């Protein structure tokens, strides 16, 4: 799909989003001289290197599937996960820490990831009934790096850092007295 903005700048490949629920339906206004009516559309296209937050919607031997509620063709392959992330016997992915703990990546967990690649596969001429529905845009993400991965991992670290800072201030006050 090619889209042009008000200044006439054309954008090649974007995803047109369909809103699932309507908040309100107003009176339609058809322009008499043209026979047309105004339509509001949402267009979304992430860029490589953009950091997004979604929810884990599934996992398999290839990696994690992530959903942004309005878009769900996002995959985080195993080789683009934190070092030490492995797939367990139960099929779930988990990060093994230096302490030997396993931090599981479970369905519906919020995850922060970096967009590493975007693919626009060709439209298939024929599609079998058993095949997954065609995805016009596919995103590969990465959770390698600081601040990426489950939101809970980093939220716990931030809270610990805040407690340490508060504790340091109290010790300094005691020394001054």
C-alpha atoms as a PDB file:
ATOM      1  CA  UNK A   1       0.000   0.000   0.000  1.00  0.00           C
ATOM      2  CA  UNK A   2       1.373   3.427  -0.849  1.00  0.00           C
ATOM      3  CA  UNK A   3       0.262   6.400   1.214  1.00  0.00           C
ATOM      4  CA  UNK A   4       0.719  10.122   0.639  1.00  0.00           C
ATOM      5  CA  UNK A   5       0.499  12.726   3.385  1.00  0.00           C
ATOM      6  CA  UNK A   6      -0.966  16.225   3.030  1.00  0.00           C
ATOM      7  CA  UNK A   7       2.281  17.591   1.602  1.00  0.00           C
ATOM      8  CA  UNK A   8       2.291  14.877  -1.072  1.00  0.00           C
ATOM      9  CA  UNK A   9       5.185  12.896   0.434  1.00  0.00           C
ATOM     10  CA  UNK A  10       4.721   9.244  -0.470  1.00  0.00           C
ATOM     11  CA  UNK A  11       5.472   6.416   1.919  1.00  0.00           C
ATOM     12  CA  UNK A  12       6.027   2.979   0.398  1.00  0.00           C
ATOM     13  CA  UNK A  13       5.155   0.257   2.852  1.00  0.00           C
ATOM     14  CA  UNK A  14       3.005   0.841   5.897  1.00  0.00           C
ATOM     15  CA  UNK A  15       0.382  -1.069   7.844  1.00  0.00           C
ATOM     16  CA  UNK A  16      -3.161   0.250   7.779  1.00  0.00           C
ATOM     17  CA  UNK A  17      -4.824  -0.554  11.066  1.00  0.00           C
ATOM     18  CA  UNK A  18      -8.429  -1.485  11.526  1.00  0.00           C
ATOM     19  CA  UNK A  19      -9.922  -0.352  14.797  1.00  0.00           C
ATOM     20  CA  UNK A  20     -11.693  -3.258  16.489  1.00  0.00           C
ATOM     21  CA  UNK A  21     -14.313  -1.306  18.386  1.00  0.00           C
ATOM     22  CA  UNK A  22     -16.000   1.938  17.508  1.00  0.00           C
ATOM     23  CA  UNK A  23     -16.295   4.556  20.236  1.00  0.00           C
ATOM     24  CA  UNK A  24     -19.098   6.445  18.545  1.00  0.00           C
ATOM     25  CA  UNK A  25     -20.761   6.572  15.185  1.00  0.00           C
ATOM     26  CA  UNK A  26     -21.836  10.004  14.091  1.00  0.00           C
ATOM     27  CA  UNK A  27     -23.947  11.274  11.244  1.00  0.00           C
ATOM     28  CA  UNK A  28     -22.389  10.608   7.853  1.00  0.00           C
ATOM     29  CA  UNK A  29     -21.775  13.556   5.637  1.00  0.00           C
ATOM     30  CA  UNK A  30     -21.649  12.881   1.921  1.00  0.00           C
ATOM     31  CA  UNK A  31     -20.250  15.729  -0.134  1.00  0.00           C
ATOM     32  CA  UNK A  32     -22.825  16.570  -2.789  1.00  0.00           C
ATOM     33  CA  UNK A  33     -20.432  17.755  -5.464  1.00  0.00           C
ATOM     34  CA  UNK A  34     -18.108  14.729  -5.181  1.00  0.00           C
ATOM     35  CA  UNK A  35     -20.216  11.937  -3.709  1.00  0.00           C
ATOM     36  CA  UNK A  36     -17.414  11.170  -1.237  1.00  0.00           C
ATOM     37  CA  UNK A  37     -17.219  11.216   2.543  1.00  0.00           C
ATOM     38  CA  UNK A  38     -14.351  11.697   5.020  1.00  0.00           C
ATOM     39  CA  UNK A  39     -12.632   8.609   6.451  1.00  0.00           C
ATOM     40  CA  UNK A  40     -10.208   8.516   9.375  1.00  0.00           C
ATOM     41  CA  UNK A  41      -7.482   5.844   9.239  1.00  0.00           C
ATOM     42  CA  UNK A  42      -4.593   4.983  11.494  1.00  0.00           C
ATOM     43  CA  UNK A  43      -1.300   4.181   9.800  1.00  0.00           C
ATOM     44  CA  UNK A  44       1.562   2.573  11.736  1.00  0.00           C
ATOM     45  CA  UNK A  45       5.067   1.725  10.674  1.00  0.00           C
ATOM     46  CA  UNK A  46       7.807   1.055  13.217  1.00  0.00           C
ATOM     47  CA  UNK A  47      11.410   1.864  12.396  1.00  0.00           C
ATOM     48  CA  UNK A  48      14.460  -0.321  12.926  1.00  0.00           C
ATOM     49  CA  UNK A  49      15.966   0.471  16.310  1.00  0.00           C
ATOM     50  CA  UNK A  50      12.639   1.579  17.825  1.00  0.00           C
ATOM     51  CA  UNK A  51      11.924   0.226  21.313  1.00  0.00           C
ATOM     52  CA  UNK A  52       8.374  -1.093  21.792  1.00  0.00           C
ATOM     53  CA  UNK A  53       6.490  -2.705  24.677  1.00  0.00           C
ATOM     54  CA  UNK A  54       4.151  -5.619  24.033  1.00  0.00           C
ATOM     55  CA  UNK A  55       2.843  -8.803  25.635  1.00  0.00           C
ATOM     56  CA  UNK A  56       4.113 -12.301  25.014  1.00  0.00           C
ATOM     57  CA  UNK A  57       1.331 -14.094  23.129  1.00  0.00           C
ATOM     58  CA  UNK A  58       3.064 -17.426  22.550  1.00  0.00           C
ATOM     59  CA  UNK A  59       6.329 -19.294  22.120  1.00  0.00           C
ATOM     60  CA  UNK A  60       7.771 -22.175  20.138  1.00  0.00           C
ATOM     61  CA  UNK A  61      11.162 -23.637  19.230  1.00  0.00           C
ATOM     62  CA  UNK A  62      11.973 -20.560  17.100  1.00  0.00           C
ATOM     63  CA  UNK A  63      11.327 -17.973  19.811  1.00  0.00           C
ATOM     64  CA  UNK A  64       8.649 -15.717  21.292  1.00  0.00           C
ATOM     65  CA  UNK A  65       5.552 -14.270  19.624  1.00  0.00           C
ATOM     66  CA  UNK A  66       4.633 -10.787  20.833  1.00  0.00           C
ATOM     67  CA  UNK A  67       1.417  -8.787  20.467  1.00  0.00           C
ATOM     68  CA  UNK A  68       0.862  -5.037  20.642  1.00  0.00           C
ATOM     69  CA  UNK A  69      -2.944  -5.528  20.888  1.00  0.00           C
ATOM     70  CA  UNK A  70      -3.441  -3.986  17.430  1.00  0.00           C
ATOM     71  CA  UNK A  71      -0.601  -5.902  15.741  1.00  0.00           C
ATOM     72  CA  UNK A  72       0.600  -9.423  16.468  1.00  0.00           C
ATOM     73  CA  UNK A  73       3.067 -10.490  13.761  1.00  0.00           C
ATOM     74  CA  UNK A  74       6.134  -9.933  15.933  1.00  0.00           C
ATOM     75  CA  UNK A  75       8.737 -12.620  16.598  1.00  0.00           C
ATOM     76  CA  UNK A  76      11.736 -12.528  18.919  1.00  0.00           C
ATOM     77  CA  UNK A  77      13.972 -15.390  17.729  1.00  0.00           C
ATOM     78  CA  UNK A  78      16.049 -17.354  20.243  1.00  0.00           C
ATOM     79  CA  UNK A  79      19.353 -15.980  18.927  1.00  0.00           C
ATOM     80  CA  UNK A  80      18.160 -12.391  19.586  1.00  0.00           C
ATOM     81  CA  UNK A  81      17.393 -12.995  23.274  1.00  0.00           C
ATOM     82  CA  UNK A  82      19.601 -12.170  26.278  1.00  0.00           C
ATOM     83  CA  UNK A  83      22.732 -14.301  26.602  1.00  0.00           C
ATOM     84  CA  UNK A  84      21.844 -17.274  28.797  1.00  0.00           C
ATOM     85  CA  UNK A  85      18.246 -17.585  27.576  1.00  0.00           C
ATOM     86  CA  UNK A  86      17.339 -21.217  26.911  1.00  0.00           C
ATOM     87  CA  UNK A  87      14.238 -23.221  26.114  1.00  0.00           C
ATOM     88  CA  UNK A  88      13.197 -25.562  28.905  1.00  0.00           C
ATOM     89  CA  UNK A  89      11.766 -29.065  28.726  1.00  0.00           C
ATOM     90  CA  UNK A  90       8.260 -27.625  29.153  1.00  0.00           C
ATOM     91  CA  UNK A  91       8.772 -25.458  26.036  1.00  0.00           C
ATOM     92  CA  UNK A  92       9.012 -22.150  27.899  1.00  0.00           C
ATOM     93  CA  UNK A  93      11.939 -19.817  27.417  1.00  0.00           C
ATOM     94  CA  UNK A  94      13.893 -18.778  30.527  1.00  0.00           C
ATOM     95  CA  UNK A  95      16.912 -16.619  31.308  1.00  0.00           C
ATOM     96  CA  UNK A  96      19.420 -18.446  33.502  1.00  0.00           C
ATOM     97  CA  UNK A  97      21.128 -15.993  35.833  1.00  0.00           C
ATOM     98  CA  UNK A  98      24.654 -16.222  37.259  1.00  0.00           C
ATOM     99  CA  UNK A  99      23.085 -17.313  40.582  1.00  0.00           C
ATOM    100  CA  UNK A 100      21.465 -20.318  38.875  1.00  0.00           C
ATOM    101  CA  UNK A 101      17.930 -18.890  39.003  1.00  0.00           C
ATOM    102  CA  UNK A 102      15.605 -19.176  36.014  1.00  0.00           C
ATOM    103  CA  UNK A 103      13.563 -16.135  35.011  1.00  0.00           C
ATOM    104  CA  UNK A 104      10.743 -17.498  32.851  1.00  0.00           C
ATOM    105  CA  UNK A 105       9.256 -15.631  29.903  1.00  0.00           C
ATOM    106  CA  UNK A 106       5.551 -16.479  30.270  1.00  0.00           C
ATOM    107  CA  UNK A 107       2.494 -15.714  28.158  1.00  0.00           C
ATOM    108  CA  UNK A 108       0.916 -12.302  28.935  1.00  0.00           C
ATOM    109  CA  UNK A 109       4.148 -10.953  30.482  1.00  0.00           C
ATOM    110  CA  UNK A 110       4.973  -7.417  29.319  1.00  0.00           C
ATOM    111  CA  UNK A 111       8.192  -7.293  27.331  1.00  0.00           C
ATOM    112  CA  UNK A 112      10.309  -4.396  26.053  1.00  0.00           C
ATOM    113  CA  UNK A 113      12.054  -5.161  22.756  1.00  0.00           C
ATOM    114  CA  UNK A 114      14.025  -3.467  20.007  1.00  0.00           C
ATOM    115  CA  UNK A 115      12.816  -3.685  16.386  1.00  0.00           C
ATOM    116  CA  UNK A 116      15.695  -5.437  14.587  1.00  0.00           C
ATOM    117  CA  UNK A 117      14.145  -6.094  11.156  1.00  0.00           C
ATOM    118  CA  UNK A 118      10.924  -5.574   9.223  1.00  0.00           C
ATOM    119  CA  UNK A 119       9.851  -7.867   6.380  1.00  0.00           C
ATOM    120  CA  UNK A 120       7.159  -7.366   3.755  1.00  0.00           C
ATOM    121  CA  UNK A 121       6.638 -10.831   2.232  1.00  0.00           C
ATOM    122  CA  UNK A 122       5.073 -11.132  -1.222  1.00  0.00           C
ATOM    123  CA  UNK A 123       1.344 -11.782  -1.288  1.00  0.00           C
ATOM    124  CA  UNK A 124       0.733 -15.495  -1.928  1.00  0.00           C
ATOM    125  CA  UNK A 125      -1.255 -16.379  -5.035  1.00  0.00           C
ATOM    126  CA  UNK A 126      -2.912 -19.311  -3.319  1.00  0.00           C
ATOM    127  CA  UNK A 127      -3.186 -20.008   0.369  1.00  0.00           C
ATOM    128  CA  UNK A 128      -4.074 -23.378   1.848  1.00  0.00           C
ATOM    129  CA  UNK A 129      -6.810 -23.571   4.466  1.00  0.00           C
ATOM    130  CA  UNK A 130      -4.366 -25.032   7.005  1.00  0.00           C
ATOM    131  CA  UNK A 131      -1.860 -22.152   6.630  1.00  0.00           C
ATOM    132  CA  UNK A 132      -1.616 -19.229   9.013  1.00  0.00           C
ATOM    133  CA  UNK A 133      -3.352 -16.083   7.721  1.00  0.00           C
ATOM    134  CA  UNK A 134      -1.107 -13.968   5.488  1.00  0.00           C
ATOM    135  CA  UNK A 135       0.830 -11.269   7.368  1.00  0.00           C
ATOM    136  CA  UNK A 136       1.646  -8.271   5.128  1.00  0.00           C
ATOM    137  CA  UNK A 137       4.285  -7.042   7.603  1.00  0.00           C
ATOM    138  CA  UNK A 138       6.451  -9.167   9.901  1.00  0.00           C
ATOM    139  CA  UNK A 139       8.660  -7.723  12.626  1.00  0.00           C
ATOM    140  CA  UNK A 140      11.672  -9.389  14.238  1.00  0.00           C
ATOM    141  CA  UNK A 141      12.620  -8.052  17.637  1.00  0.00           C
ATOM    142  CA  UNK A 142      15.575  -8.351  19.971  1.00  0.00           C
ATOM    143  CA  UNK A 143      15.845  -8.384  23.752  1.00  0.00           C
ATOM    144  CA  UNK A 144      19.656  -8.344  23.811  1.00  0.00           C
ATOM    145  CA  UNK A 145      20.772  -5.294  25.725  1.00  0.00           C
ATOM    146  CA  UNK A 146      20.257  -3.277  28.868  1.00  0.00           C
ATOM    147  CA  UNK A 147      16.661  -2.361  29.633  1.00  0.00           C
ATOM    148  CA  UNK A 148      15.277  -4.939  27.183  1.00  0.00           C
ATOM    149  CA  UNK A 149      13.336  -8.034  28.202  1.00  0.00           C
ATOM    150  CA  UNK A 150      10.534  -8.461  30.691  1.00  0.00           C
ATOM    151  CA  UNK A 151       9.402  -5.202  32.287  1.00  0.00           C
ATOM    152  CA  UNK A 152       9.350  -6.985  35.675  1.00  0.00           C
ATOM    153  CA  UNK A 153      13.102  -7.692  35.457  1.00  0.00           C
ATOM    154  CA  UNK A 154      13.977  -4.035  35.198  1.00  0.00           C
ATOM    155  CA  UNK A 155      11.246  -2.710  37.505  1.00  0.00           C
ATOM    156  CA  UNK A 156      12.646  -4.824  40.361  1.00  0.00           C
ATOM    157  CA  UNK A 157      16.154  -3.482  39.695  1.00  0.00           C
ATOM    158  CA  UNK A 158      14.936   0.125  39.656  1.00  0.00           C
ATOM    159  CA  UNK A 159      13.146  -0.327  43.016  1.00  0.00           C
ATOM    160  CA  UNK A 160      16.303  -1.801  44.590  1.00  0.00           C
ATOM    161  CA  UNK A 161      18.336   1.137  43.268  1.00  0.00           C
ATOM    162  CA  UNK A 162      15.884   3.623  44.783  1.00  0.00           C
ATOM    163  CA  UNK A 163      16.055   1.877  48.185  1.00  0.00           C
ATOM    164  CA  UNK A 164      19.879   1.959  48.130  1.00  0.00           C
ATOM    165  CA  UNK A 165      19.871   5.681  47.310  1.00  0.00           C
ATOM    166  CA  UNK A 166      17.431   6.397  50.153  1.00  0.00           C
ATOM    167  CA  UNK A 167      19.534   4.335  52.582  1.00  0.00           C
ATOM    168  CA  UNK A 168      22.745   6.174  51.619  1.00  0.00           C
ATOM    169  CA  UNK A 169      21.166   9.549  52.376  1.00  0.00           C
ATOM    170  CA  UNK A 170      20.091   8.434  55.861  1.00  0.00           C
ATOM    171  CA  UNK A 171      23.622   7.223  56.707  1.00  0.00           C
ATOM    172  CA  UNK A 172      25.123  10.550  55.631  1.00  0.00           C
ATOM    173  CA  UNK A 173      22.662  12.449  57.851  1.00  0.00           C
ATOM    174  CA  UNK A 174      23.603  10.294  60.870  1.00  0.00           C
ATOM    175  CA  UNK A 175      27.329  10.934  60.296  1.00  0.00           C
ATOM    176  CA  UNK A 176      26.774  14.703  60.163  1.00  0.00           C
ATOM    177  CA  UNK A 177      25.021  14.720  63.572  1.00  0.00           C
END
